[in-house]
Amino acid sequence: MTLKREDGSAIPFGTQVTVNGQDGSAALVDTDSQVYLTGLADKGELTVKWGAQQCRVNYQLPAHKGIAGLYQMSGLCR
């Protein structure tokens, strides 16, 4: 998933992303504002935290997986 802030700017490298409602499920944002997540429900909410700032992303998985069996999505952090 490629993440952006509401103003269109990138999410900082190393930002922690957690899946709400799934204890222990966390990932880090890479240098291209992308995060790789596994075991997601069909829809849900992510919490994105860096320093003292945070935002949330609502997502819904697409109907079909892309190449290599991965979902490719964008998420707006609000």
Protein backbone atom coordinates (compact mmCIF):
# COMPACT_ATOMS: atom_id res chain seq x y z
CA MET A 1 0.00 0.00 0.00
CA THR A 2 1.30 3.44 -0.90
CA LEU A 3 0.44 5.96 1.81
CA LYS A 4 0.04 9.73 1.51
CA ARG A 5 -0.99 12.46 3.93
CA GLU A 6 -4.09 14.57 3.23
CA ASP A 7 -1.90 17.33 1.76
CA GLY A 8 -0.37 14.80 -0.67
CA SER A 9 3.00 14.63 1.06
CA ALA A 10 4.82 11.40 1.76
CA ILE A 11 4.72 9.45 5.00
CA PRO A 12 8.22 9.52 6.57
CA PHE A 13 10.58 6.55 6.20
CA GLY A 14 10.43 4.20 9.19
CA THR A 15 6.92 5.22 10.26
CA GLN A 16 5.11 2.45 12.15
CA VAL A 17 1.83 1.15 10.72
CA THR A 18 -0.45 -1.03 12.84
CA VAL A 19 -3.65 -2.82 11.89
CA ASN A 20 -6.40 -1.79 14.31
CA GLY A 21 -7.90 -4.81 16.05
CA GLN A 22 -4.93 -7.09 15.31
CA ASP A 23 -2.52 -7.18 18.24
CA GLY A 24 1.11 -7.53 17.23
CA SER A 25 0.44 -6.69 13.59
CA ALA A 26 2.84 -3.89 12.62
CA ALA A 27 5.00 -2.87 9.67
CA LEU A 28 7.32 -0.01 8.70
CA VAL A 29 7.02 2.47 5.83
CA ASP A 30 9.82 2.33 3.25
CA THR A 31 11.53 5.22 1.42
CA ASP A 32 8.73 5.38 -1.19
CA SER A 33 5.90 5.72 1.38
CA GLN A 34 5.00 2.07 0.82
CA VAL A 35 4.13 -0.46 3.47
CA TYR A 36 3.79 -4.23 3.03
CA LEU A 37 1.10 -5.80 5.21
CA THR A 38 -0.06 -9.41 5.51
CA GLY A 39 -3.15 -11.09 6.91
CA LEU A 40 -5.47 -8.13 6.40
CA ALA A 41 -9.24 -8.44 6.70
CA ASP A 42 -11.24 -7.44 3.61
CA LYS A 43 -11.66 -3.97 5.10
CA GLY A 44 -10.42 -2.17 8.16
CA GLU A 45 -8.38 0.68 9.58
CA LEU A 46 -4.65 1.29 9.97
CA THR A 47 -2.95 3.59 12.46
CA VAL A 48 0.14 5.36 11.13
CA LYS A 49 2.50 6.87 13.78
CA TRP A 50 5.74 8.82 13.50
CA GLY A 51 7.17 10.84 16.37
CA ALA A 52 4.31 12.66 18.12
CA GLN A 53 2.14 12.59 14.99
CA GLN A 54 -0.35 10.02 13.83
CA CYS A 55 -3.15 9.55 11.33
CA ARG A 56 -5.49 6.76 10.23
CA VAL A 57 -6.16 5.03 6.93
CA ASN A 58 -9.40 3.23 6.11
CA TYR A 59 -8.92 0.52 3.51
CA GLN A 60 -10.89 -2.04 1.53
CA LEU A 61 -9.06 -4.76 -0.38
CA PRO A 62 -9.65 -4.76 -4.15
CA ALA A 63 -11.73 -7.55 -5.68
CA HIS A 64 -8.71 -9.06 -7.47
CA LYS A 65 -5.06 -9.52 -6.58
CA GLY A 66 -2.42 -8.09 -8.88
CA ILE A 67 0.69 -9.68 -10.31
CA ALA A 68 2.45 -12.11 -7.95
CA GLY A 69 -0.73 -12.45 -5.88
CA LEU A 70 -0.34 -9.07 -4.15
CA TYR A 71 -2.93 -6.35 -3.66
CA GLN A 72 -1.67 -2.94 -4.78
CA MET A 73 -3.50 -0.03 -3.18
CA SER A 74 -3.18 3.58 -2.17
CA GLY A 75 -4.21 4.91 1.21
CA LEU A 76 -4.98 8.45 2.35
CA CYS A 77 -3.92 9.12 5.93
CA ARG A 78 -6.33 11.43 7.79
